[in-house]
Amino acid sequence: MIILNKILIFTLLITNLQSWSQIEEPIIDFIKEEVSLHCFSDQIEVEGNYYFRNNTNKIVSIEVFYPFPVDSNAHFPHDIYVDAYEYITEKNGISWKMKFDEFETKSFLVKYDQEISKNYAKYILFTSKKWENPIVNAKFTVSVPKEFKNVSLSYKYDEKTKKNERVYYIIEINDLHTSKDLTIEWD
């Protein structure tokens, strides 16, 4: 009986080890973003650097969808630029394909200008929840003309400085995995 119990325990242990070894990290991680958002009375200019990592020893291709906050206040952006990739325009964003070598980290730059009709701008962050792991580091620099009054950000800023007729708000977030967008409002 004791030998039978030991065989059963050993079998359960091996089975559990095999199932644990099958737990893998995601194929691609979104690891970092550095974004500048320059607000004006009639538009926002966005420039972002984004970093992705292939966690496998295989060549991987993915499709990236970059969403824009299009609504009654914000028109579809114009002057869109994506370095090194040709993109396809979709309803509320753009998409393109990226190929990664094994264990490769890649970055890309996106720039766009977006007309706004109210004293309000938004940058989409809720899509970070769609990634299995949080974005390791996210840094946002929001700038507004010094004439803007009662500026309100949906995230607490870490630093505020004034330079060249503009006010800059720096927000740094580690392990970003949110359902809340970054919004900027002013009078």
N, C-alpha and C. Protein backbone atom coordinates (compact mmCIF):
# COMPACT_ATOMS: atom_id res chain seq x y z
N MET A 1 0.82 -1.19 0.00
CA MET A 1 0.00 0.00 0.00
C MET A 1 0.87 1.25 0.00
N ILE A 2 1.92 1.26 0.83
CA ILE A 2 2.81 2.41 0.89
C ILE A 2 3.47 2.65 -0.46
N ILE A 3 3.91 1.59 -1.11
CA ILE A 3 4.53 1.72 -2.43
C ILE A 3 3.53 2.26 -3.43
N LEU A 4 2.29 1.81 -3.37
CA LEU A 4 1.24 2.29 -4.27
C LEU A 4 1.00 3.78 -4.06
N ASN A 5 0.94 4.22 -2.80
CA ASN A 5 0.75 5.64 -2.49
C ASN A 5 1.92 6.48 -3.01
N LYS A 6 3.15 5.97 -2.85
CA LYS A 6 4.32 6.70 -3.34
C LYS A 6 4.30 6.80 -4.86
N ILE A 7 3.88 5.75 -5.54
CA ILE A 7 3.79 5.79 -7.00
C ILE A 7 2.73 6.81 -7.42
N LEU A 8 1.59 6.83 -6.72
CA LEU A 8 0.52 7.78 -7.02
C LEU A 8 0.99 9.22 -6.80
N ILE A 9 1.65 9.49 -5.69
CA ILE A 9 2.17 10.84 -5.40
C ILE A 9 3.21 11.24 -6.45
N PHE A 10 4.11 10.31 -6.80
CA PHE A 10 5.13 10.60 -7.82
C PHE A 10 4.48 10.91 -9.17
N THR A 11 3.45 10.13 -9.54
CA THR A 11 2.74 10.36 -10.79
C THR A 11 2.06 11.72 -10.79
N LEU A 12 1.42 12.08 -9.69
CA LEU A 12 0.78 13.40 -9.59
C LEU A 12 1.81 14.52 -9.68
N LEU A 13 2.94 14.34 -9.03
CA LEU A 13 4.00 15.33 -9.07
C LEU A 13 4.53 15.52 -10.48
N ILE A 14 4.81 14.46 -11.19
CA ILE A 14 5.29 14.53 -12.57
C ILE A 14 4.24 15.19 -13.46
N THR A 15 2.98 14.83 -13.30
CA THR A 15 1.90 15.43 -14.09
C THR A 15 1.84 16.93 -13.85
N ASN A 16 1.93 17.35 -12.59
CA ASN A 16 1.89 18.78 -12.27
C ASN A 16 3.10 19.50 -12.84
N LEU A 17 4.27 18.90 -12.76
CA LEU A 17 5.47 19.53 -13.31
C LEU A 17 5.34 19.70 -14.83
N GLN A 18 4.78 18.70 -15.49
CA GLN A 18 4.60 18.79 -16.93
C GLN A 18 3.63 19.91 -17.28
N SER A 19 2.53 20.05 -16.54
CA SER A 19 1.58 21.11 -16.86
C SER A 19 2.17 22.48 -16.52
N TRP A 20 2.97 22.58 -15.45
CA TRP A 20 3.60 23.85 -15.12
C TRP A 20 4.61 24.24 -16.19
N SER A 21 5.31 23.28 -16.73
CA SER A 21 6.31 23.60 -17.74
C SER A 21 5.67 24.08 -19.04
N GLN A 22 4.38 23.80 -19.21
CA GLN A 22 3.69 24.25 -20.41
C GLN A 22 3.22 25.70 -20.30
N ILE A 23 3.28 26.28 -19.12
CA ILE A 23 2.92 27.68 -18.94
C ILE A 23 4.04 28.53 -19.54
N GLU A 24 3.70 29.31 -20.54
CA GLU A 24 4.70 30.12 -21.23
C GLU A 24 4.34 31.59 -21.11
N GLU A 25 5.33 32.43 -21.22
CA GLU A 25 5.04 33.85 -21.27
C GLU A 25 4.52 34.19 -22.67
N PRO A 26 3.89 35.34 -22.82
CA PRO A 26 3.33 35.70 -24.12
C PRO A 26 4.41 35.75 -25.20
N ILE A 27 4.01 35.52 -26.43
CA ILE A 27 4.97 35.53 -27.54
C ILE A 27 5.58 36.92 -27.69
N ILE A 28 4.75 37.96 -27.70
CA ILE A 28 5.21 39.35 -27.85
C ILE A 28 4.75 40.15 -26.64
N ASP A 29 5.64 40.94 -26.08
CA ASP A 29 5.29 41.87 -25.00
C ASP A 29 5.47 43.30 -25.49
N PHE A 30 4.54 44.15 -25.09
CA PHE A 30 4.63 45.60 -25.28
C PHE A 30 5.35 46.09 -24.03
N ILE A 31 6.63 46.49 -24.16
CA ILE A 31 7.43 46.71 -22.95
C ILE A 31 7.63 48.18 -22.57
N LYS A 32 7.47 49.10 -23.54
CA LYS A 32 7.77 50.49 -23.20
C LYS A 32 7.10 51.43 -24.20
N GLU A 33 6.68 52.60 -23.70
CA GLU A 33 6.25 53.66 -24.59
C GLU A 33 6.69 55.01 -24.03
N GLU A 34 7.09 55.88 -24.94
CA GLU A 34 7.49 57.25 -24.60
C GLU A 34 6.71 58.16 -25.54
N VAL A 35 5.79 58.94 -24.98
CA VAL A 35 4.86 59.70 -25.81
C VAL A 35 4.85 61.17 -25.41
N SER A 36 4.90 62.04 -26.43
CA SER A 36 4.74 63.48 -26.23
C SER A 36 3.40 63.89 -26.82
N LEU A 37 2.62 64.64 -26.05
CA LEU A 37 1.33 65.14 -26.50
C LEU A 37 1.35 66.65 -26.35
N HIS A 38 1.32 67.36 -27.47
CA HIS A 38 1.37 68.82 -27.46
C HIS A 38 -0.01 69.34 -27.83
N CYS A 39 -0.68 69.95 -26.85
CA CYS A 39 -2.04 70.44 -27.04
C CYS A 39 -2.04 71.89 -27.49
N PHE A 40 -2.94 72.19 -28.41
CA PHE A 40 -3.20 73.54 -28.88
C PHE A 40 -4.71 73.74 -28.81
N SER A 41 -5.18 74.94 -29.04
CA SER A 41 -6.62 75.20 -28.92
C SER A 41 -7.44 74.41 -29.94
N ASP A 42 -6.85 74.07 -31.09
CA ASP A 42 -7.62 73.40 -32.14
C ASP A 42 -7.04 72.04 -32.57
N GLN A 43 -5.97 71.60 -31.96
CA GLN A 43 -5.40 70.29 -32.33
C GLN A 43 -4.46 69.78 -31.25
N ILE A 44 -4.15 68.49 -31.38
CA ILE A 44 -3.14 67.86 -30.54
C ILE A 44 -2.13 67.21 -31.48
N GLU A 45 -0.85 67.37 -31.16
CA GLU A 45 0.23 66.74 -31.92
C GLU A 45 0.81 65.64 -31.03
N VAL A 46 0.84 64.44 -31.56
CA VAL A 46 1.29 63.27 -30.79
C VAL A 46 2.52 62.68 -31.47
N GLU A 47 3.51 62.34 -30.65
CA GLU A 47 4.70 61.65 -31.14
C GLU A 47 5.05 60.59 -30.12
N GLY A 48 5.09 59.33 -30.56
CA GLY A 48 5.35 58.25 -29.62
C GLY A 48 6.34 57.24 -30.13
N ASN A 49 7.20 56.78 -29.24
CA ASN A 49 8.11 55.66 -29.50
C ASN A 49 7.60 54.47 -28.69
N TYR A 50 7.50 53.32 -29.37
CA TYR A 50 6.91 52.13 -28.78
C TYR A 50 7.88 50.97 -28.94
N TYR A 51 7.98 50.14 -27.90
CA TYR A 51 8.95 49.05 -27.87
C TYR A 51 8.25 47.72 -27.60
N PHE A 52 8.55 46.72 -28.44
CA PHE A 52 7.97 45.39 -28.33
C PHE A 52 9.09 44.36 -28.31
N ARG A 53 8.85 43.24 -27.59
CA ARG A 53 9.86 42.20 -27.48
C ARG A 53 9.27 40.83 -27.84
N ASN A 54 10.00 40.10 -28.68
CA ASN A 54 9.66 38.71 -28.98
C ASN A 54 10.28 37.85 -27.88
N ASN A 55 9.46 37.11 -27.18
CA ASN A 55 9.94 36.28 -26.06
C ASN A 55 10.28 34.86 -26.47
N THR A 56 10.31 34.60 -27.77
CA THR A 56 10.52 33.21 -28.22
C THR A 56 11.81 33.07 -29.03
N ASN A 57 12.16 31.83 -29.25
CA ASN A 57 13.32 31.53 -30.11
C ASN A 57 12.87 31.25 -31.54
N LYS A 58 11.73 31.84 -31.91
CA LYS A 58 11.17 31.68 -33.26
C LYS A 58 10.99 33.04 -33.91
N ILE A 59 10.99 33.06 -35.24
CA ILE A 59 10.65 34.27 -35.98
C ILE A 59 9.13 34.43 -35.90
N VAL A 60 8.68 35.61 -35.53
CA VAL A 60 7.26 35.85 -35.30
C VAL A 60 6.81 37.08 -36.08
N SER A 61 5.64 37.00 -36.69
CA SER A 61 5.02 38.16 -37.34
C SER A 61 3.72 38.46 -36.62
N ILE A 62 3.47 39.75 -36.38
CA ILE A 62 2.22 40.16 -35.74
C ILE A 62 1.64 41.33 -36.52
N GLU A 63 0.36 41.55 -36.31
CA GLU A 63 -0.29 42.74 -36.85
C GLU A 63 -0.49 43.70 -35.69
N VAL A 64 -0.05 44.93 -35.87
CA VAL A 64 -0.19 45.96 -34.85
C VAL A 64 -1.36 46.85 -35.24
N PHE A 65 -2.27 47.10 -34.30
CA PHE A 65 -3.34 48.06 -34.50
C PHE A 65 -3.08 49.24 -33.58
N TYR A 66 -3.02 50.44 -34.16
CA TYR A 66 -2.77 51.66 -33.40
C TYR A 66 -4.07 52.47 -33.41
N PRO A 67 -4.77 52.53 -32.27
CA PRO A 67 -6.07 53.21 -32.26
C PRO A 67 -5.95 54.72 -32.07
N PHE A 68 -6.91 55.44 -32.62
CA PHE A 68 -7.03 56.89 -32.42
C PHE A 68 -8.34 57.17 -31.69
N PRO A 69 -8.36 58.17 -30.82
CA PRO A 69 -9.61 58.53 -30.16
C PRO A 69 -10.47 59.41 -31.09
N VAL A 70 -11.29 58.79 -31.88
CA VAL A 70 -12.13 59.51 -32.84
C VAL A 70 -13.53 59.59 -32.26
N ASP A 71 -14.02 60.82 -32.09
CA ASP A 71 -15.36 61.03 -31.56
C ASP A 71 -15.86 62.40 -32.00
N SER A 72 -16.92 62.91 -31.36
CA SER A 72 -17.49 64.20 -31.77
C SER A 72 -16.52 65.36 -31.54
N ASN A 73 -15.55 65.17 -30.67
CA ASN A 73 -14.55 66.21 -30.40
C ASN A 73 -13.30 66.06 -31.28
N ALA A 74 -12.94 64.86 -31.59
CA ALA A 74 -11.66 64.60 -32.26
C ALA A 74 -11.88 63.92 -33.61
N HIS A 75 -11.40 64.57 -34.66
CA HIS A 75 -11.50 64.02 -36.01
C HIS A 75 -10.42 62.96 -36.21
N PHE A 76 -10.57 62.16 -37.27
CA PHE A 76 -9.52 61.21 -37.60
C PHE A 76 -8.23 62.00 -37.88
N PRO A 77 -7.10 61.57 -37.35
CA PRO A 77 -5.85 62.35 -37.50
C PRO A 77 -5.44 62.56 -38.95
N HIS A 78 -4.66 63.61 -39.14
CA HIS A 78 -4.03 63.88 -40.44
C HIS A 78 -2.52 63.92 -40.22
N ASP A 79 -1.77 63.94 -41.29
CA ASP A 79 -0.30 63.93 -41.20
C ASP A 79 0.21 62.78 -40.34
N ILE A 80 -0.26 61.60 -40.62
CA ILE A 80 0.16 60.40 -39.87
C ILE A 80 1.49 59.91 -40.44
N TYR A 81 2.40 59.57 -39.53
CA TYR A 81 3.71 59.05 -39.94
C TYR A 81 4.05 57.85 -39.06
N VAL A 82 4.45 56.76 -39.68
CA VAL A 82 4.95 55.58 -38.97
C VAL A 82 6.29 55.23 -39.61
N ASP A 83 7.36 55.29 -38.83
CA ASP A 83 8.67 55.00 -39.42
C ASP A 83 8.82 53.52 -39.72
N ALA A 84 9.40 53.22 -40.87
CA ALA A 84 9.79 51.87 -41.29
C ALA A 84 8.63 50.93 -41.61
N TYR A 85 7.39 51.39 -41.55
CA TYR A 85 6.27 50.51 -41.84
C TYR A 85 5.23 51.23 -42.70
N GLU A 86 4.69 50.49 -43.65
CA GLU A 86 3.55 51.00 -44.41
C GLU A 86 2.30 50.56 -43.68
N TYR A 87 1.40 51.50 -43.42
CA TYR A 87 0.22 51.17 -42.65
C TYR A 87 -1.03 51.21 -43.52
N ILE A 88 -2.06 50.57 -43.00
CA ILE A 88 -3.38 50.56 -43.63
C ILE A 88 -4.30 51.38 -42.73
N THR A 89 -5.07 52.28 -43.32
CA THR A 89 -6.03 53.08 -42.56
C THR A 89 -7.28 52.25 -42.30
N GLU A 90 -7.70 52.23 -41.04
CA GLU A 90 -8.91 51.52 -40.65
C GLU A 90 -9.88 52.52 -40.03
N LYS A 91 -11.03 52.04 -39.56
CA LYS A 91 -12.08 52.95 -39.08
C LYS A 91 -11.59 53.92 -38.00
N ASN A 92 -11.02 53.41 -36.94
CA ASN A 92 -10.58 54.26 -35.83
C ASN A 92 -9.10 54.10 -35.52
N GLY A 93 -8.29 53.82 -36.56
CA GLY A 93 -6.87 53.66 -36.32
C GLY A 93 -6.15 53.23 -37.58
N ILE A 94 -4.95 52.75 -37.38
CA ILE A 94 -4.12 52.25 -38.47
C ILE A 94 -3.53 50.91 -38.05
N SER A 95 -3.11 50.12 -39.03
CA SER A 95 -2.49 48.83 -38.70
C SER A 95 -1.37 48.53 -39.69
N TRP A 96 -0.47 47.67 -39.26
CA TRP A 96 0.64 47.21 -40.10
C TRP A 96 1.18 45.92 -39.52
N LYS A 97 2.00 45.26 -40.30
CA LYS A 97 2.62 44.00 -39.86
C LYS A 97 4.06 44.26 -39.41
N MET A 98 4.46 43.53 -38.38
CA MET A 98 5.83 43.60 -37.87
C MET A 98 6.37 42.18 -37.79
N LYS A 99 7.63 42.01 -38.19
CA LYS A 99 8.30 40.72 -38.11
C LYS A 99 9.44 40.83 -37.10
N PHE A 100 9.52 39.85 -36.22
CA PHE A 100 10.55 39.81 -35.17
C PHE A 100 11.40 38.57 -35.34
N ASP A 101 12.71 38.74 -35.25
CA ASP A 101 13.60 37.59 -35.14
C ASP A 101 13.51 37.05 -33.72
N GLU A 102 14.12 35.91 -33.49
CA GLU A 102 14.06 35.29 -32.17
C GLU A 102 14.65 36.23 -31.11
N PHE A 103 13.90 36.39 -30.02
CA PHE A 103 14.27 37.21 -28.86
C PHE A 103 14.58 38.66 -29.23
N GLU A 104 14.04 39.14 -30.31
CA GLU A 104 14.34 40.50 -30.77
C GLU A 104 13.41 41.52 -30.12
N THR A 105 13.99 42.68 -29.80
CA THR A 105 13.22 43.84 -29.36
C THR A 105 13.23 44.85 -30.49
N LYS A 106 12.05 45.37 -30.82
CA LYS A 106 11.93 46.36 -31.89
C LYS A 106 11.18 47.57 -31.37
N SER A 107 11.49 48.70 -31.98
CA SER A 107 10.75 49.92 -31.66
C SER A 107 10.27 50.56 -32.96
N PHE A 108 9.29 51.42 -32.81
CA PHE A 108 8.83 52.21 -33.96
C PHE A 108 8.32 53.54 -33.45
N LEU A 109 8.28 54.50 -34.35
CA LEU A 109 7.85 55.86 -34.06
C LEU A 109 6.55 56.13 -34.80
N VAL A 110 5.58 56.72 -34.10
CA VAL A 110 4.33 57.15 -34.72
C VAL A 110 4.16 58.63 -34.39
N LYS A 111 3.80 59.41 -35.42
CA LYS A 111 3.49 60.83 -35.24
C LYS A 111 2.15 61.09 -35.92
N TYR A 112 1.36 61.95 -35.31
CA TYR A 112 0.14 62.39 -35.98
C TYR A 112 -0.36 63.71 -35.37
N ASP A 113 -1.13 64.43 -36.17
CA ASP A 113 -1.82 65.64 -35.74
C ASP A 113 -3.30 65.35 -35.80
N GLN A 114 -4.03 65.80 -34.78
CA GLN A 114 -5.46 65.53 -34.73
C GLN A 114 -6.22 66.80 -34.36
N GLU A 115 -7.16 67.18 -35.21
CA GLU A 115 -8.00 68.35 -34.91
C GLU A 115 -8.97 68.02 -33.79
N ILE A 116 -9.14 68.99 -32.89
CA ILE A 116 -10.11 68.86 -31.80
C ILE A 116 -11.01 70.09 -31.81
N SER A 117 -12.24 69.93 -31.35
CA SER A 117 -13.19 71.04 -31.39
C SER A 117 -13.54 71.59 -30.01
N LYS A 118 -13.08 70.93 -28.95
CA LYS A 118 -13.36 71.39 -27.59
C LYS A 118 -12.04 71.50 -26.83
N ASN A 119 -12.11 72.00 -25.62
CA ASN A 119 -10.92 72.13 -24.78
C ASN A 119 -10.63 70.81 -24.07
N TYR A 120 -10.39 69.81 -24.92
CA TYR A 120 -10.28 68.46 -24.39
C TYR A 120 -9.51 67.61 -25.40
N ALA A 121 -8.58 66.80 -24.91
CA ALA A 121 -7.85 65.87 -25.79
C ALA A 121 -7.71 64.55 -25.05
N LYS A 122 -7.58 63.48 -25.84
CA LYS A 122 -7.49 62.14 -25.25
C LYS A 122 -6.43 61.33 -25.98
N TYR A 123 -5.71 60.52 -25.20
CA TYR A 123 -4.76 59.56 -25.74
C TYR A 123 -5.17 58.19 -25.21
N ILE A 124 -5.34 57.23 -26.10
CA ILE A 124 -5.87 55.92 -25.72
C ILE A 124 -4.82 55.08 -24.97
N LEU A 125 -5.20 54.67 -23.77
CA LEU A 125 -4.37 53.76 -22.97
C LEU A 125 -5.11 52.48 -22.59
N PHE A 126 -6.44 52.48 -22.72
CA PHE A 126 -7.20 51.32 -22.26
C PHE A 126 -6.81 50.04 -23.00
N THR A 127 -6.21 50.17 -24.18
CA THR A 127 -5.80 48.96 -24.91
C THR A 127 -4.65 48.24 -24.23
N SER A 128 -4.00 48.89 -23.26
CA SER A 128 -2.94 48.19 -22.52
C SER A 128 -3.50 46.97 -21.80
N LYS A 129 -4.78 46.97 -21.49
CA LYS A 129 -5.43 45.83 -20.83
C LYS A 129 -5.51 44.61 -21.75
N LYS A 130 -5.39 44.84 -23.07
CA LYS A 130 -5.49 43.72 -24.02
C LYS A 130 -4.19 42.91 -24.07
N TRP A 131 -3.11 43.47 -23.53
CA TRP A 131 -1.84 42.74 -23.49
C TRP A 131 -1.84 41.88 -22.24
N GLU A 132 -1.26 40.70 -22.36
CA GLU A 132 -1.24 39.79 -21.22
C GLU A 132 -0.45 40.37 -20.05
N ASN A 133 0.70 40.96 -20.37
CA ASN A 133 1.54 41.57 -19.33
C ASN A 133 1.43 43.09 -19.38
N PRO A 134 1.66 43.75 -18.25
CA PRO A 134 1.65 45.22 -18.27
C PRO A 134 2.80 45.78 -19.10
N ILE A 135 2.64 47.01 -19.55
CA ILE A 135 3.74 47.73 -20.19
C ILE A 135 4.71 48.09 -19.06
N VAL A 136 5.95 47.65 -19.19
CA VAL A 136 6.93 47.80 -18.10
C VAL A 136 7.11 49.27 -17.72
N ASN A 137 7.27 50.15 -18.72
CA ASN A 137 7.48 51.56 -18.42
C ASN A 137 6.78 52.42 -19.48
N ALA A 138 6.02 53.39 -19.00
CA ALA A 138 5.35 54.34 -19.90
C ALA A 138 5.66 55.75 -19.40
N LYS A 139 6.08 56.60 -20.33
CA LYS A 139 6.38 57.99 -19.98
C LYS A 139 5.62 58.89 -20.95
N PHE A 140 4.87 59.83 -20.37
CA PHE A 140 4.07 60.77 -21.16
C PHE A 140 4.49 62.19 -20.81
N THR A 141 4.74 62.97 -21.84
CA THR A 141 5.02 64.39 -21.68
C THR A 141 3.87 65.14 -22.33
N VAL A 142 3.11 65.84 -21.52
CA VAL A 142 1.97 66.62 -22.01
C VAL A 142 2.37 68.08 -21.94
N SER A 143 2.20 68.80 -23.06
CA SER A 143 2.49 70.24 -23.03
C SER A 143 1.27 71.02 -23.49
N VAL A 144 1.07 72.15 -22.84
CA VAL A 144 -0.04 73.05 -23.19
C VAL A 144 0.50 74.48 -23.21
N PRO A 145 -0.13 75.37 -23.98
CA PRO A 145 0.28 76.78 -23.92
C PRO A 145 0.07 77.33 -22.52
N LYS A 146 0.93 78.23 -22.10
CA LYS A 146 0.83 78.76 -20.73
C LYS A 146 -0.47 79.51 -20.51
N GLU A 147 -1.17 79.91 -21.58
CA GLU A 147 -2.45 80.61 -21.46
C GLU A 147 -3.59 79.69 -21.04
N PHE A 148 -3.43 78.39 -21.22
CA PHE A 148 -4.49 77.46 -20.83
C PHE A 148 -4.65 77.51 -19.31
N LYS A 149 -5.88 77.63 -18.87
CA LYS A 149 -6.19 77.71 -17.43
C LYS A 149 -6.85 76.42 -16.96
N ASN A 150 -6.71 76.14 -15.68
CA ASN A 150 -7.36 74.99 -15.05
C ASN A 150 -7.09 73.68 -15.81
N VAL A 151 -5.85 73.45 -16.12
CA VAL A 151 -5.49 72.22 -16.84
C VAL A 151 -5.67 71.03 -15.89
N SER A 152 -6.35 70.02 -16.41
CA SER A 152 -6.63 68.83 -15.62
C SER A 152 -6.22 67.59 -16.42
N LEU A 153 -5.46 66.70 -15.78
CA LEU A 153 -5.01 65.45 -16.40
C LEU A 153 -5.67 64.27 -15.66
N SER A 154 -5.98 63.22 -16.39
CA SER A 154 -6.61 62.06 -15.76
C SER A 154 -5.63 61.21 -14.95
N TYR A 155 -4.34 61.46 -15.11
CA TYR A 155 -3.30 60.79 -14.33
C TYR A 155 -2.50 61.84 -13.56
N LYS A 156 -2.07 61.47 -12.38
CA LYS A 156 -1.24 62.36 -11.57
C LYS A 156 0.11 62.54 -12.27
N TYR A 157 0.54 63.78 -12.37
CA TYR A 157 1.84 64.03 -12.99
C TYR A 157 2.94 64.01 -11.94
N ASP A 158 4.15 63.65 -12.40
CA ASP A 158 5.31 63.56 -11.52
C ASP A 158 6.11 64.85 -11.49
N GLU A 159 5.98 65.62 -12.55
CA GLU A 159 6.78 66.84 -12.66
C GLU A 159 6.04 67.85 -13.52
N LYS A 160 6.18 69.13 -13.18
CA LYS A 160 5.57 70.22 -13.96
C LYS A 160 6.63 71.30 -14.13
N THR A 161 6.86 71.69 -15.39
CA THR A 161 7.84 72.75 -15.67
C THR A 161 7.28 73.71 -16.71
N LYS A 162 7.84 74.92 -16.75
CA LYS A 162 7.47 75.91 -17.75
C LYS A 162 8.69 76.21 -18.61
N LYS A 163 8.46 76.24 -19.94
CA LYS A 163 9.57 76.49 -20.85
C LYS A 163 9.01 76.99 -22.18
N ASN A 164 9.58 78.05 -22.71
CA ASN A 164 9.21 78.56 -24.03
C ASN A 164 7.71 78.73 -24.22
N GLU A 165 7.06 79.42 -23.29
CA GLU A 165 5.64 79.74 -23.41
C GLU A 165 4.71 78.53 -23.28
N ARG A 166 5.25 77.41 -22.80
CA ARG A 166 4.43 76.20 -22.63
C ARG A 166 4.64 75.63 -21.23
N VAL A 167 3.65 74.89 -20.76
CA VAL A 167 3.74 74.19 -19.48
C VAL A 167 3.81 72.69 -19.81
N TYR A 168 4.77 72.01 -19.19
CA TYR A 168 5.00 70.58 -19.45
C TYR A 168 4.67 69.77 -18.20
N TYR A 169 3.92 68.70 -18.40
CA TYR A 169 3.57 67.77 -17.34
C TYR A 169 4.19 66.42 -17.71
N ILE A 170 4.97 65.86 -16.81
CA ILE A 170 5.62 64.57 -17.04
C ILE A 170 4.89 63.52 -16.17
N ILE A 171 4.47 62.44 -16.82
CA ILE A 171 3.81 61.34 -16.13
C ILE A 171 4.60 60.08 -16.43
N GLU A 172 5.03 59.38 -15.39
CA GLU A 172 5.71 58.10 -15.57
C GLU A 172 4.94 57.02 -14.83
N ILE A 173 4.67 55.95 -15.54
CA ILE A 173 3.91 54.84 -14.96
C ILE A 173 4.66 53.54 -15.23
N ASN A 174 4.94 52.80 -14.17
CA ASN A 174 5.52 51.47 -14.31
C ASN A 174 4.40 50.44 -14.23
N ASP A 175 4.55 49.37 -14.99
CA ASP A 175 3.56 48.29 -15.01
C ASP A 175 2.17 48.80 -15.38
N LEU A 176 2.10 49.50 -16.49
CA LEU A 176 0.83 50.06 -16.98
C LEU A 176 -0.06 48.96 -17.54
N HIS A 177 -1.22 48.83 -16.95
CA HIS A 177 -2.20 47.81 -17.36
C HIS A 177 -3.56 48.38 -16.95
N THR A 178 -4.06 49.34 -17.70
CA THR A 178 -5.19 50.14 -17.25
C THR A 178 -6.37 50.08 -18.21
N SER A 179 -7.50 50.46 -17.71
CA SER A 179 -8.69 50.62 -18.56
C SER A 179 -9.05 52.10 -18.67
N LYS A 180 -8.15 52.98 -18.21
CA LYS A 180 -8.39 54.43 -18.20
C LYS A 180 -7.47 55.12 -19.21
N ASP A 181 -8.06 55.96 -20.07
CA ASP A 181 -7.28 56.73 -21.04
C ASP A 181 -6.64 57.94 -20.37
N LEU A 182 -5.67 58.52 -21.05
CA LEU A 182 -5.07 59.78 -20.60
C LEU A 182 -5.87 60.91 -21.24
N THR A 183 -6.51 61.72 -20.40
CA THR A 183 -7.26 62.86 -20.90
C THR A 183 -6.67 64.15 -20.37
N ILE A 184 -6.79 65.18 -21.19
CA ILE A 184 -6.30 66.52 -20.86
C ILE A 184 -7.45 67.47 -21.10
N GLU A 185 -7.79 68.27 -20.09
CA GLU A 185 -8.86 69.27 -20.22
C GLU A 185 -8.32 70.61 -19.76
N TRP A 186 -8.91 71.68 -20.28
CA TRP A 186 -8.48 73.03 -19.92
C TRP A 186 -9.61 74.03 -20.18
N ASP A 187 -9.45 75.23 -19.59
CA ASP A 187 -10.36 76.35 -19.85
C ASP A 187 -9.70 77.32 -20.80
